[in-house]
Amino acid sequence: MEKAYIVSLENGEQLGPLDEEALRRLAEAGTITENAQIRSTMLAIWSKAKDTDCLKKIFREQMLQRAEQFANDPKAQLKARLEMRGDFDPLANALSQEGVTYHDCSFFVRLLAGLTDLLILLVVALGILFFCWLASHSLGPTKALTLFCVVTWFVAALYYMYFLAKFGQTLGQRFWGLVVITPDRGCVYPIKGFLFFIFTFFFGLISPLTWLIFGCRSTLQEWIPKVLVKHISVARSIY
């Protein structure tokens, strides 16, 4: 006697009894999704449709199709770029490098990351400027301007120190898939993050020149604090 199945769809509707050929047709049509529950009429044990032997090939093909569509979808690519760096942990990866691959990165990508951070800090600076403008009525223009410069400088330095020490990457570097590490792939502590910021601030404009001087492998803001800027690929669990 041919085996028959009962299907419980994700919306709660039940189908069957169905033979294997009917299961395949419904799966190909999308009526049965991979997370639908299926059991044999002879045994009251439910399992997911994607784990059913006669449907595994169909769901695998559908998965490959979705992966191809995802790879060619600009919105999905942007979302992946925004999220793909989120699981980099400089402390954990200093102990175990599993799942992380480091690559050399071009000066152009470094520049894009730096400009992204500059844009973020510019937005923050505009907010600080607004509050200092409000304070200028009581402090006076000169003191308000001084306050703006001091606070903006402090916030910018804290931004680099905190993100490099805590995450190994600023927000701009995270977006472009870069990470700042020591030569032994260890954590960048706050003092190195501060030095990276200082030399970026004062010598960022001549970075193309220092990039050439150091053999197109580093810039002055990396060479002085002895850090490396790398492009990383992080293996992520899909479950």
C-alpha atoms as a PDB file:
ATOM      1  CA  MET A   1       0.000   0.000   0.000  1.00  0.00           C
ATOM      2  CA  GLU A   2       1.348   3.452  -0.962  1.00  0.00           C
ATOM      3  CA  LYS A   3       2.308   5.682   1.930  1.00  0.00           C
ATOM      4  CA  ALA A   4      -0.020   8.641   2.560  1.00  0.00           C
ATOM      5  CA  TYR A   5       0.633  11.913   4.393  1.00  0.00           C
ATOM      6  CA  ILE A   6      -1.231  14.562   6.344  1.00  0.00           C
ATOM      7  CA  VAL A   7      -0.022  18.163   5.876  1.00  0.00           C
ATOM      8  CA  SER A   8      -0.529  20.999   8.365  1.00  0.00           C
ATOM      9  CA  LEU A   9       0.129  24.308   6.613  1.00  0.00           C
ATOM     10  CA  GLU A  10       1.595  27.296   8.416  1.00  0.00           C
ATOM     11  CA  ASN A  11      -1.847  28.965   8.486  1.00  0.00           C
ATOM     12  CA  GLY A  12      -3.259  25.967  10.374  1.00  0.00           C
ATOM     13  CA  GLU A  13      -5.106  24.401   7.420  1.00  0.00           C
ATOM     14  CA  GLN A  14      -4.734  20.643   7.040  1.00  0.00           C
ATOM     15  CA  LEU A  15      -4.488  18.744   3.755  1.00  0.00           C
ATOM     16  CA  GLY A  16      -4.627  15.056   2.993  1.00  0.00           C
ATOM     17  CA  PRO A  17      -4.272  12.230   2.996  1.00  0.00           C
ATOM     18  CA  LEU A  18      -1.861  12.845   0.075  1.00  0.00           C
ATOM     19  CA  ASP A  19       0.542  10.580  -1.742  1.00  0.00           C
ATOM     20  CA  GLU A  20       4.153  11.573  -2.519  1.00  0.00           C
ATOM     21  CA  GLU A  21       3.344  12.790  -6.030  1.00  0.00           C
ATOM     22  CA  ALA A  22       0.641  15.116  -4.687  1.00  0.00           C
ATOM     23  CA  LEU A  23       3.089  16.397  -2.049  1.00  0.00           C
ATOM     24  CA  ARG A  24       5.656  17.228  -4.716  1.00  0.00           C
ATOM     25  CA  ARG A  25       3.120  19.078  -6.873  1.00  0.00           C
ATOM     26  CA  LEU A  26       1.935  21.198  -3.933  1.00  0.00           C
ATOM     27  CA  ALA A  27       5.504  21.943  -2.854  1.00  0.00           C
ATOM     28  CA  GLU A  28       6.474  23.022  -6.382  1.00  0.00           C
ATOM     29  CA  ALA A  29       3.394  25.240  -6.520  1.00  0.00           C
ATOM     30  CA  GLY A  30       4.311  26.837  -3.198  1.00  0.00           C
ATOM     31  CA  THR A  31       1.220  25.605  -1.349  1.00  0.00           C
ATOM     32  CA  ILE A  32       3.392  23.521   0.956  1.00  0.00           C
ATOM     33  CA  THR A  33       6.207  25.633   2.367  1.00  0.00           C
ATOM     34  CA  GLU A  34       9.391  24.280   3.873  1.00  0.00           C
ATOM     35  CA  ASN A  35       8.182  24.923   7.446  1.00  0.00           C
ATOM     36  CA  ALA A  36       4.818  23.204   7.009  1.00  0.00           C
ATOM     37  CA  GLN A  37       4.328  20.146   9.197  1.00  0.00           C
ATOM     38  CA  ILE A  38       3.953  16.687   7.642  1.00  0.00           C
ATOM     39  CA  ARG A  39       3.242  13.281   9.151  1.00  0.00           C
ATOM     40  CA  SER A  40       2.463   9.832   7.877  1.00  0.00           C
ATOM     41  CA  THR A  41      -1.092   8.578   8.277  1.00  0.00           C
ATOM     42  CA  MET A  42       0.473   5.529   9.924  1.00  0.00           C
ATOM     43  CA  LEU A  43       2.564   7.429  12.497  1.00  0.00           C
ATOM     44  CA  ALA A  44       1.505  10.531  14.464  1.00  0.00           C
ATOM     45  CA  ILE A  45       4.941  12.170  14.469  1.00  0.00           C
ATOM     46  CA  TRP A  46       5.172  15.563  12.770  1.00  0.00           C
ATOM     47  CA  SER A  47       8.266  16.886  10.989  1.00  0.00           C
ATOM     48  CA  LYS A  48       8.998  19.875   8.807  1.00  0.00           C
ATOM     49  CA  ALA A  49       8.325  19.596   5.091  1.00  0.00           C
ATOM     50  CA  LYS A  50      11.934  20.472   4.259  1.00  0.00           C
ATOM     51  CA  ASP A  51      13.032  17.358   6.165  1.00  0.00           C
ATOM     52  CA  THR A  52      10.704  15.028   4.250  1.00  0.00           C
ATOM     53  CA  ASP A  53      12.721  12.812   1.907  1.00  0.00           C
ATOM     54  CA  CYS A  54      10.536  13.205  -1.154  1.00  0.00           C
ATOM     55  CA  LEU A  55      10.554  17.027  -0.851  1.00  0.00           C
ATOM     56  CA  LYS A  56      14.195  17.744   0.038  1.00  0.00           C
ATOM     57  CA  LYS A  57      15.292  18.193  -3.582  1.00  0.00           C
ATOM     58  CA  ILE A  58      12.424  20.602  -4.333  1.00  0.00           C
ATOM     59  CA  PHE A  59      13.134  22.825  -1.324  1.00  0.00           C
ATOM     60  CA  ARG A  60      16.856  22.787  -2.056  1.00  0.00           C
ATOM     61  CA  GLU A  61      16.211  24.061  -5.582  1.00  0.00           C
ATOM     62  CA  GLN A  62      13.910  26.747  -4.210  1.00  0.00           C
ATOM     63  CA  MET A  63      16.591  27.763  -1.706  1.00  0.00           C
ATOM     64  CA  LEU A  64      19.169  28.087  -4.479  1.00  0.00           C
ATOM     65  CA  GLN A  65      16.754  30.211  -6.508  1.00  0.00           C
ATOM     66  CA  ARG A  66      16.183  32.519  -3.531  1.00  0.00           C
ATOM     67  CA  ALA A  67      19.918  32.778  -2.973  1.00  0.00           C
ATOM     68  CA  GLU A  68      20.441  33.784  -6.607  1.00  0.00           C
ATOM     69  CA  GLN A  69      17.658  36.370  -6.417  1.00  0.00           C
ATOM     70  CA  PHE A  70      19.135  37.701  -3.182  1.00  0.00           C
ATOM     71  CA  ALA A  71      22.592  37.991  -4.739  1.00  0.00           C
ATOM     72  CA  ASN A  72      21.178  40.067  -7.610  1.00  0.00           C
ATOM     73  CA  ASP A  73      18.895  42.275  -5.506  1.00  0.00           C
ATOM     74  CA  PRO A  74      20.472  45.721  -4.853  1.00  0.00           C
ATOM     75  CA  LYS A  75      18.335  46.295  -1.742  1.00  0.00           C
ATOM     76  CA  ALA A  76      19.341  42.932  -0.305  1.00  0.00           C
ATOM     77  CA  GLN A  77      22.997  43.676  -1.066  1.00  0.00           C
ATOM     78  CA  LEU A  78      22.749  47.004   0.782  1.00  0.00           C
ATOM     79  CA  LYS A  79      21.042  45.332   3.748  1.00  0.00           C
ATOM     80  CA  ALA A  80      23.732  42.659   3.822  1.00  0.00           C
ATOM     81  CA  ARG A  81      26.461  45.310   3.773  1.00  0.00           C
ATOM     82  CA  LEU A  82      24.806  47.078   6.690  1.00  0.00           C
ATOM     83  CA  GLU A  83      24.455  43.894   8.734  1.00  0.00           C
ATOM     84  CA  MET A  84      27.371  41.686   7.761  1.00  0.00           C
ATOM     85  CA  ARG A  85      29.870  43.320  10.123  1.00  0.00           C
ATOM     86  CA  GLY A  86      27.653  43.151  13.173  1.00  0.00           C
ATOM     87  CA  ASP A  87      29.038  39.952  14.641  1.00  0.00           C
ATOM     88  CA  PHE A  88      32.727  40.899  14.629  1.00  0.00           C
ATOM     89  CA  ASP A  89      33.978  40.801  18.210  1.00  0.00           C
ATOM     90  CA  PRO A  90      37.615  41.963  18.493  1.00  0.00           C
ATOM     91  CA  LEU A  91      38.151  40.272  21.869  1.00  0.00           C
ATOM     92  CA  ALA A  92      36.607  36.941  20.861  1.00  0.00           C
ATOM     93  CA  ASN A  93      38.431  36.919  17.546  1.00  0.00           C
ATOM     94  CA  ALA A  94      41.716  37.726  19.261  1.00  0.00           C
ATOM     95  CA  LEU A  95      41.278  34.411  21.063  1.00  0.00           C
ATOM     96  CA  SER A  96      39.830  32.429  18.163  1.00  0.00           C
ATOM     97  CA  GLN A  97      40.010  33.492  14.532  1.00  0.00           C
ATOM     98  CA  GLU A  98      37.415  30.966  13.403  1.00  0.00           C
ATOM     99  CA  GLY A  99      34.915  32.404  10.949  1.00  0.00           C
ATOM    100  CA  VAL A 100      36.937  35.543  10.134  1.00  0.00           C
ATOM    101  CA  THR A 101      39.031  36.084   7.024  1.00  0.00           C
ATOM    102  CA  TYR A 102      41.237  39.169   6.685  1.00  0.00           C
ATOM    103  CA  HIS A 103      42.047  40.758   3.314  1.00  0.00           C
ATOM    104  CA  ASP A 104      44.129  43.707   2.205  1.00  0.00           C
ATOM    105  CA  CYS A 105      41.944  46.685   1.351  1.00  0.00           C
ATOM    106  CA  SER A 106      42.467  49.435  -1.178  1.00  0.00           C
ATOM    107  CA  PHE A 107      42.998  53.089  -0.343  1.00  0.00           C
ATOM    108  CA  PHE A 108      39.704  53.908  -2.077  1.00  0.00           C
ATOM    109  CA  VAL A 109      37.700  51.780   0.394  1.00  0.00           C
ATOM    110  CA  ARG A 110      39.572  53.336   3.321  1.00  0.00           C
ATOM    111  CA  LEU A 111      38.720  56.750   1.913  1.00  0.00           C
ATOM    112  CA  LEU A 112      35.036  55.863   1.624  1.00  0.00           C
ATOM    113  CA  ALA A 113      35.013  54.631   5.220  1.00  0.00           C
ATOM    114  CA  GLY A 114      36.727  57.824   6.389  1.00  0.00           C
ATOM    115  CA  LEU A 115      34.254  60.028   4.499  1.00  0.00           C
ATOM    116  CA  THR A 116      31.352  58.078   6.007  1.00  0.00           C
ATOM    117  CA  ASP A 117      32.723  58.684   9.512  1.00  0.00           C
ATOM    118  CA  LEU A 118      33.264  62.342   8.627  1.00  0.00           C
ATOM    119  CA  LEU A 119      29.628  62.636   7.552  1.00  0.00           C
ATOM    120  CA  ILE A 120      28.477  61.054  10.826  1.00  0.00           C
ATOM    121  CA  LEU A 121      30.632  63.433  12.867  1.00  0.00           C
ATOM    122  CA  LEU A 122      29.432  66.375  10.785  1.00  0.00           C
ATOM    123  CA  VAL A 123      25.819  65.596  11.693  1.00  0.00           C
ATOM    124  CA  VAL A 124      26.808  65.346  15.372  1.00  0.00           C
ATOM    125  CA  ALA A 125      28.744  68.620  15.102  1.00  0.00           C
ATOM    126  CA  LEU A 126      25.690  70.388  13.690  1.00  0.00           C
ATOM    127  CA  GLY A 127      23.701  69.237  16.710  1.00  0.00           C
ATOM    128  CA  ILE A 128      26.414  70.520  19.051  1.00  0.00           C
ATOM    129  CA  LEU A 129      26.530  73.812  17.128  1.00  0.00           C
ATOM    130  CA  PHE A 130      22.793  74.289  17.613  1.00  0.00           C
ATOM    131  CA  PHE A 131      23.044  73.874  21.397  1.00  0.00           C
ATOM    132  CA  CYS A 132      26.088  76.161  21.537  1.00  0.00           C
ATOM    133  CA  TRP A 133      24.151  78.746  19.527  1.00  0.00           C
ATOM    134  CA  LEU A 134      21.402  78.582  22.144  1.00  0.00           C
ATOM    135  CA  ALA A 135      24.028  78.944  24.879  1.00  0.00           C
ATOM    136  CA  SER A 136      25.626  81.938  23.123  1.00  0.00           C
ATOM    137  CA  HIS A 137      22.847  84.183  24.443  1.00  0.00           C
ATOM    138  CA  SER A 138      24.149  83.694  27.970  1.00  0.00           C
ATOM    139  CA  LEU A 139      27.812  82.817  27.344  1.00  0.00           C
ATOM    140  CA  GLY A 140      28.536  85.227  24.538  1.00  0.00           C
ATOM    141  CA  PRO A 141      29.705  84.376  20.988  1.00  0.00           C
ATOM    142  CA  THR A 142      33.384  83.832  21.823  1.00  0.00           C
ATOM    143  CA  LYS A 143      32.816  81.456  24.716  1.00  0.00           C
ATOM    144  CA  ALA A 144      30.084  79.626  22.801  1.00  0.00           C
ATOM    145  CA  LEU A 145      32.449  79.098  19.856  1.00  0.00           C
ATOM    146  CA  THR A 146      35.175  77.872  22.193  1.00  0.00           C
ATOM    147  CA  LEU A 147      32.706  75.501  23.835  1.00  0.00           C
ATOM    148  CA  PHE A 148      31.670  74.209  20.405  1.00  0.00           C
ATOM    149  CA  CYS A 149      35.272  73.483  19.390  1.00  0.00           C
ATOM    150  CA  VAL A 150      36.127  71.751  22.684  1.00  0.00           C
ATOM    151  CA  VAL A 151      32.986  69.607  22.814  1.00  0.00           C
ATOM    152  CA  THR A 152      33.188  68.665  19.127  1.00  0.00           C
ATOM    153  CA  TRP A 153      36.843  67.678  19.477  1.00  0.00           C
ATOM    154  CA  PHE A 154      36.088  65.619  22.595  1.00  0.00           C
ATOM    155  CA  VAL A 155      33.109  63.843  20.979  1.00  0.00           C
ATOM    156  CA  ALA A 156      35.084  63.043  17.796  1.00  0.00           C
ATOM    157  CA  ALA A 157      37.995  61.610  19.815  1.00  0.00           C
ATOM    158  CA  LEU A 158      35.602  59.632  22.030  1.00  0.00           C
ATOM    159  CA  TYR A 159      33.838  58.302  18.918  1.00  0.00           C
ATOM    160  CA  TYR A 160      37.049  56.765  17.561  1.00  0.00           C
ATOM    161  CA  MET A 161      38.316  55.593  20.939  1.00  0.00           C
ATOM    162  CA  TYR A 162      35.062  53.919  21.938  1.00  0.00           C
ATOM    163  CA  PHE A 163      34.174  52.203  18.657  1.00  0.00           C
ATOM    164  CA  LEU A 164      37.711  51.005  17.892  1.00  0.00           C
ATOM    165  CA  ALA A 165      38.226  49.648  21.406  1.00  0.00           C
ATOM    166  CA  LYS A 166      34.736  48.164  21.770  1.00  0.00           C
ATOM    167  CA  PHE A 167      34.012  46.886  18.256  1.00  0.00           C
ATOM    168  CA  GLY A 168      37.290  47.145  16.351  1.00  0.00           C
ATOM    169  CA  GLN A 169      35.608  49.365  13.767  1.00  0.00           C
ATOM    170  CA  THR A 170      33.907  52.739  13.531  1.00  0.00           C
ATOM    171  CA  LEU A 171      30.443  52.971  12.008  1.00  0.00           C
ATOM    172  CA  GLY A 172      31.913  54.027   8.665  1.00  0.00           C
ATOM    173  CA  GLN A 173      34.390  51.155   8.717  1.00  0.00           C
ATOM    174  CA  ARG A 174      31.634  48.738   9.662  1.00  0.00           C
ATOM    175  CA  PHE A 175      29.532  49.813   6.665  1.00  0.00           C
ATOM    176  CA  TRP A 176      32.421  49.284   4.255  1.00  0.00           C
ATOM    177  CA  GLY A 177      33.531  46.039   5.895  1.00  0.00           C
ATOM    178  CA  LEU A 178      36.804  47.255   7.446  1.00  0.00           C
ATOM    179  CA  VAL A 179      38.296  46.517  10.828  1.00  0.00           C
ATOM    180  CA  VAL A 180      41.234  48.007  12.750  1.00  0.00           C
ATOM    181  CA  ILE A 181      43.433  45.439  14.503  1.00  0.00           C
ATOM    182  CA  THR A 182      46.954  45.125  15.867  1.00  0.00           C
ATOM    183  CA  PRO A 183      49.565  43.194  13.810  1.00  0.00           C
ATOM    184  CA  ASP A 184      48.895  40.096  15.951  1.00  0.00           C
ATOM    185  CA  ARG A 185      45.141  40.503  15.258  1.00  0.00           C
ATOM    186  CA  GLY A 186      44.456  41.700  18.763  1.00  0.00           C
ATOM    187  CA  CYS A 187      42.218  44.436  20.146  1.00  0.00           C
ATOM    188  CA  VAL A 188      42.832  48.120  19.497  1.00  0.00           C
ATOM    189  CA  TYR A 189      42.796  49.696  22.931  1.00  0.00           C
ATOM    190  CA  PRO A 190      41.604  53.298  23.538  1.00  0.00           C
ATOM    191  CA  ILE A 191      45.081  54.868  23.399  1.00  0.00           C
ATOM    192  CA  LYS A 192      45.704  53.405  19.934  1.00  0.00           C
ATOM    193  CA  GLY A 193      42.211  54.508  18.906  1.00  0.00           C
ATOM    194  CA  PHE A 194      43.039  58.027  20.091  1.00  0.00           C
ATOM    195  CA  LEU A 195      46.320  58.063  18.148  1.00  0.00           C
ATOM    196  CA  PHE A 196      44.502  56.790  15.060  1.00  0.00           C
ATOM    197  CA  PHE A 197      42.052  59.690  15.412  1.00  0.00           C
ATOM    198  CA  ILE A 198      44.747  62.326  16.047  1.00  0.00           C
ATOM    199  CA  PHE A 199      46.812  61.404  12.997  1.00  0.00           C
ATOM    200  CA  THR A 200      43.717  61.023  10.845  1.00  0.00           C
ATOM    201  CA  PHE A 201      42.621  64.517  11.906  1.00  0.00           C
ATOM    202  CA  PHE A 202      45.955  66.214  11.246  1.00  0.00           C
ATOM    203  CA  PHE A 203      47.304  64.145   8.358  1.00  0.00           C
ATOM    204  CA  GLY A 204      44.174  62.755   6.713  1.00  0.00           C
ATOM    205  CA  LEU A 205      44.499  65.139   3.753  1.00  0.00           C
ATOM    206  CA  ILE A 206      47.940  63.795   2.883  1.00  0.00           C
ATOM    207  CA  SER A 207      46.889  60.159   3.265  1.00  0.00           C
ATOM    208  CA  PRO A 208      47.365  59.482  -0.481  1.00  0.00           C
ATOM    209  CA  LEU A 209      51.017  60.557  -0.133  1.00  0.00           C
ATOM    210  CA  THR A 210      51.680  58.509   3.028  1.00  0.00           C
ATOM    211  CA  TRP A 211      49.905  55.559   1.379  1.00  0.00           C
ATOM    212  CA  LEU A 212      52.457  55.691  -1.447  1.00  0.00           C
ATOM    213  CA  ILE A 213      55.383  56.217   0.954  1.00  0.00           C
ATOM    214  CA  PHE A 214      54.475  53.072   2.903  1.00  0.00           C
ATOM    215  CA  GLY A 215      54.287  50.938  -0.213  1.00  0.00           C
ATOM    216  CA  CYS A 216      50.506  51.147  -0.722  1.00  0.00           C
ATOM    217  CA  ARG A 217      49.940  49.016   2.379  1.00  0.00           C
ATOM    218  CA  SER A 218      49.386  51.565   5.149  1.00  0.00           C
ATOM    219  CA  THR A 219      48.889  55.233   6.004  1.00  0.00           C
ATOM    220  CA  LEU A 220      50.506  57.421   8.657  1.00  0.00           C
ATOM    221  CA  GLN A 221      47.526  57.068  11.000  1.00  0.00           C
ATOM    222  CA  GLU A 222      48.057  53.297  10.929  1.00  0.00           C
ATOM    223  CA  TRP A 223      51.850  53.249  10.992  1.00  0.00           C
ATOM    224  CA  ILE A 224      52.296  55.484  14.065  1.00  0.00           C
ATOM    225  CA  PRO A 225      49.989  53.566  16.482  1.00  0.00           C
ATOM    226  CA  LYS A 226      51.048  50.242  14.878  1.00  0.00           C
ATOM    227  CA  VAL A 227      47.616  49.087  13.738  1.00  0.00           C
ATOM    228  CA  LEU A 228      46.322  47.495  10.546  1.00  0.00           C
ATOM    229  CA  VAL A 229      43.194  48.304   8.574  1.00  0.00           C
ATOM    230  CA  LYS A 230      41.848  45.154   6.951  1.00  0.00           C
ATOM    231  CA  HIS A 231      38.812  44.145   4.964  1.00  0.00           C
ATOM    232  CA  ILE A 232      37.106  41.202   6.651  1.00  0.00           C
ATOM    233  CA  SER A 233      34.698  38.464   5.751  1.00  0.00           C
ATOM    234  CA  VAL A 234      32.702  37.163   8.700  1.00  0.00           C
ATOM    235  CA  ALA A 235      31.059  33.758   8.571  1.00  0.00           C
ATOM    236  CA  ARG A 236      27.507  34.063   9.892  1.00  0.00           C
ATOM    237  CA  SER A 237      25.061  31.387  10.962  1.00  0.00           C
ATOM    238  CA  ILE A 238      21.866  31.399   8.908  1.00  0.00           C
ATOM    239  CA  TYR A 239      19.885  29.552  11.571  1.00  0.00           C
END
